[in-house]
């Protein structure tokens, strides 16, 4: 019976490697976001050079920031998720390794995730405020409600971690 238990536990432990294709898919998604970023950038260049500037330029820049934030979020999820659930990432050049890598546990990942989502939501809201004359009242109201809900959720996540003994600086 002990042998069966050992085999079963070993099988379950090694099942963590099934997550690797998911993380590789997320890496490929960053590649897709790179394509999206440059499409937005190429669309922005004529607006900056030949347009009147103003609203369209600001919306274009906010779109670039939005893609960058989503890409950063994916990178955090890939690194932290892989290190927390699959295996340590052992790169040889420590000077190239991001400072937070290897130090983000599941609790930190939740806080970073909700923080990034709130930032992305804030950028989306700012984009709507810049085009407030073109946006319907109901759409704006719902986006504000969603953003406030995300902010409150973030505060609650951080509060629960603090109450649970995990202190963030």
Protein backbone atom coordinates (compact mmCIF):
# COMPACT_ATOMS: atom_id res chain seq x y z
CA UNK A 1 0.00 0.00 0.00
CA UNK A 2 2.88 2.39 0.78
CA UNK A 3 4.31 1.76 -2.72
CA UNK A 4 0.95 2.63 -4.35
CA UNK A 5 0.76 5.79 -2.25
CA UNK A 6 4.27 6.76 -3.33
CA UNK A 7 3.50 6.19 -7.04
CA UNK A 8 0.23 8.14 -6.78
CA UNK A 9 1.87 11.06 -4.98
CA UNK A 10 4.75 11.10 -7.46
CA UNK A 11 2.26 11.10 -10.36
CA UNK A 12 0.31 14.01 -8.84
CA UNK A 13 3.49 15.93 -8.09
CA UNK A 14 4.78 15.52 -11.64
CA UNK A 15 1.42 16.60 -13.07
CA UNK A 16 2.54 20.17 -12.44
CA UNK A 17 4.47 19.91 -15.73
CA UNK A 18 1.13 19.91 -17.55
CA UNK A 19 1.09 23.66 -16.88
CA UNK A 20 4.14 24.23 -19.10
CA UNK A 21 2.18 24.32 -22.41
CA UNK A 22 -0.12 26.92 -20.84
CA UNK A 23 2.84 29.13 -19.91
CA UNK A 24 4.31 28.65 -23.40
CA UNK A 25 0.95 29.76 -24.82
CA UNK A 26 1.12 32.88 -22.66
CA UNK A 27 4.64 33.57 -23.99
CA UNK A 28 3.25 33.29 -27.54
CA UNK A 29 0.47 35.69 -26.49
CA UNK A 30 3.12 38.28 -25.58
CA UNK A 31 4.36 37.86 -29.17
CA UNK A 32 0.85 38.59 -30.43
CA UNK A 33 0.68 41.65 -28.20
CA UNK A 34 3.98 42.81 -29.71
CA UNK A 35 2.33 42.68 -33.14
CA UNK A 36 -0.68 44.59 -31.75
CA UNK A 37 1.64 47.19 -30.19
CA UNK A 38 3.39 47.88 -33.49
CA UNK A 39 0.10 48.01 -35.40
CA UNK A 40 -1.12 50.65 -32.91
CA UNK A 41 2.24 52.45 -33.12
CA UNK A 42 2.19 52.55 -36.94
CA UNK A 43 -1.39 53.86 -36.78
CA UNK A 44 -0.28 56.55 -34.29
CA UNK A 45 2.69 57.88 -36.30
CA UNK A 46 0.67 59.65 -39.04
CA UNK A 47 -1.69 61.01 -36.40
CA UNK A 48 1.21 62.58 -34.53
CA UNK A 49 2.99 63.84 -37.67
CA UNK A 50 0.04 65.02 -39.77
CA UNK A 51 -3.00 65.06 -37.51
CA UNK A 52 -4.23 67.85 -35.34
CA UNK A 53 -2.96 66.00 -32.28
CA UNK A 54 -5.27 66.23 -29.34
CA UNK A 55 -7.72 63.46 -28.57
CA UNK A 56 -6.67 60.94 -31.23
CA UNK A 57 -3.02 61.19 -30.16
CA UNK A 58 -3.84 60.76 -26.49
CA UNK A 59 -6.09 57.76 -27.24
CA UNK A 60 -3.32 56.24 -29.37
CA UNK A 61 -0.73 56.65 -26.63
CA UNK A 62 -3.14 55.20 -24.07
CA UNK A 63 -3.64 52.18 -26.35
CA UNK A 64 0.15 51.62 -26.41
CA UNK A 65 0.30 51.90 -22.62
CA UNK A 66 -2.59 49.46 -22.33
CA UNK A 67 -0.77 46.85 -24.45
CA UNK A 68 2.42 47.38 -22.42
CA UNK A 69 0.56 46.87 -19.12
CA UNK A 70 -1.13 43.69 -20.35
CA UNK A 71 2.26 42.39 -21.56
CA UNK A 72 3.85 43.13 -18.18
CA UNK A 73 0.96 41.39 -16.46
CA UNK A 74 1.44 38.30 -18.63
CA UNK A 75 5.16 38.26 -17.87
CA UNK A 76 4.50 38.41 -14.11
CA UNK A 77 1.97 35.58 -14.40
CA UNK A 78 4.36 33.47 -16.49
CA UNK A 79 7.39 33.90 -14.23
CA UNK A 80 5.60 33.77 -10.89
CA UNK A 81 3.23 31.00 -11.92
CA UNK A 82 5.99 28.83 -13.34
CA UNK A 83 8.22 29.36 -10.30
CA UNK A 84 5.41 28.81 -7.79
CA UNK A 85 3.75 25.82 -9.41
CA UNK A 86 6.21 24.11 -11.77
CA UNK A 87 9.91 24.68 -11.15
CA UNK A 88 12.47 27.33 -10.23
CA UNK A 89 13.78 29.30 -13.18
CA UNK A 90 17.53 28.90 -12.92
CA UNK A 91 19.15 31.44 -15.22
CA UNK A 92 22.90 31.87 -15.01
CA UNK A 93 23.15 35.65 -15.37
CA UNK A 94 21.74 36.99 -12.10
CA UNK A 95 22.34 40.57 -13.22
CA UNK A 96 19.75 40.02 -15.98
CA UNK A 97 17.19 38.42 -13.67
CA UNK A 98 14.41 40.81 -12.57
CA UNK A 99 14.75 41.66 -8.87
CA UNK A 100 11.28 40.38 -7.96
CA UNK A 101 11.75 37.05 -9.75
CA UNK A 102 11.87 34.20 -7.30
CA UNK A 103 10.42 36.38 -4.54
CA UNK A 104 6.79 36.57 -5.72
CA UNK A 105 4.67 33.99 -3.94
CA UNK A 106 1.02 33.19 -4.71
CA UNK A 107 -0.22 35.94 -2.38
CA UNK A 108 2.05 38.52 -4.03
CA UNK A 109 0.92 37.29 -7.44
CA UNK A 110 -2.73 37.95 -6.53
CA UNK A 111 -1.91 41.49 -5.41
CA UNK A 112 0.18 42.20 -8.53
CA UNK A 113 -2.54 40.72 -10.71
CA UNK A 114 -5.34 42.82 -9.25
CA UNK A 115 -3.08 45.90 -9.25
CA UNK A 116 -2.35 45.41 -12.95
CA UNK A 117 -6.01 44.82 -13.75
CA UNK A 118 -6.95 48.03 -11.91
CA UNK A 119 -4.26 49.94 -13.84
CA UNK A 120 -5.49 48.52 -17.15
CA UNK A 121 -9.08 49.39 -16.20
CA UNK A 122 -7.95 52.90 -15.26
CA UNK A 123 -6.28 53.34 -18.66
CA UNK A 124 -9.47 52.16 -20.38
CA UNK A 125 -11.50 54.61 -18.30
CA UNK A 126 -9.10 57.44 -19.11
CA UNK A 127 -9.41 56.57 -22.79
CA UNK A 128 -13.20 56.88 -22.48
CA UNK A 129 -12.97 60.18 -20.61
CA UNK A 130 -10.79 61.60 -23.40
CA UNK A 131 -13.54 60.68 -25.89
CA UNK A 132 -16.41 61.47 -23.51
CA UNK A 133 -18.49 63.18 -26.24
CA UNK A 134 -18.39 60.02 -28.39
CA UNK A 135 -19.26 57.57 -25.60
CA UNK A 136 -22.73 56.73 -24.38
CA UNK A 137 -23.68 57.57 -20.81
CA UNK A 138 -24.56 53.95 -19.99
CA UNK A 139 -21.23 52.63 -21.28
CA UNK A 140 -19.30 55.18 -19.24
CA UNK A 141 -21.36 54.47 -16.13
CA UNK A 142 -20.80 50.71 -16.40
CA UNK A 143 -17.05 51.14 -16.95
CA UNK A 144 -16.84 53.37 -13.85
CA UNK A 145 -18.81 50.81 -11.82
CA UNK A 146 -16.53 47.99 -13.02
CA UNK A 147 -13.41 50.05 -12.25
CA UNK A 148 -14.63 50.92 -8.74
CA UNK A 149 -15.48 47.24 -8.16
CA UNK A 150 -11.95 46.26 -9.21
CA UNK A 151 -10.42 48.88 -6.92
CA UNK A 152 -12.52 47.68 -3.98
CA UNK A 153 -11.59 44.07 -4.77
CA UNK A 154 -7.91 45.02 -4.78
CA UNK A 155 -8.21 46.73 -1.42
CA UNK A 156 -10.04 43.71 -0.01
CA UNK A 157 -7.39 41.30 -1.36
CA UNK A 158 -4.63 43.38 0.21
CA UNK A 159 -6.57 43.65 3.48
CA UNK A 160 -7.12 39.89 3.63
CA UNK A 161 -3.39 39.29 3.08
CA UNK A 162 -2.54 41.78 5.82
CA UNK A 163 -5.06 40.21 8.21
CA UNK A 164 -3.66 36.79 7.33
CA UNK A 165 -0.20 37.92 8.37
CA UNK A 166 1.29 38.70 4.95
CA UNK A 167 2.59 42.29 5.14
CA UNK A 168 3.30 44.19 1.92
CA UNK A 169 5.59 47.17 1.79
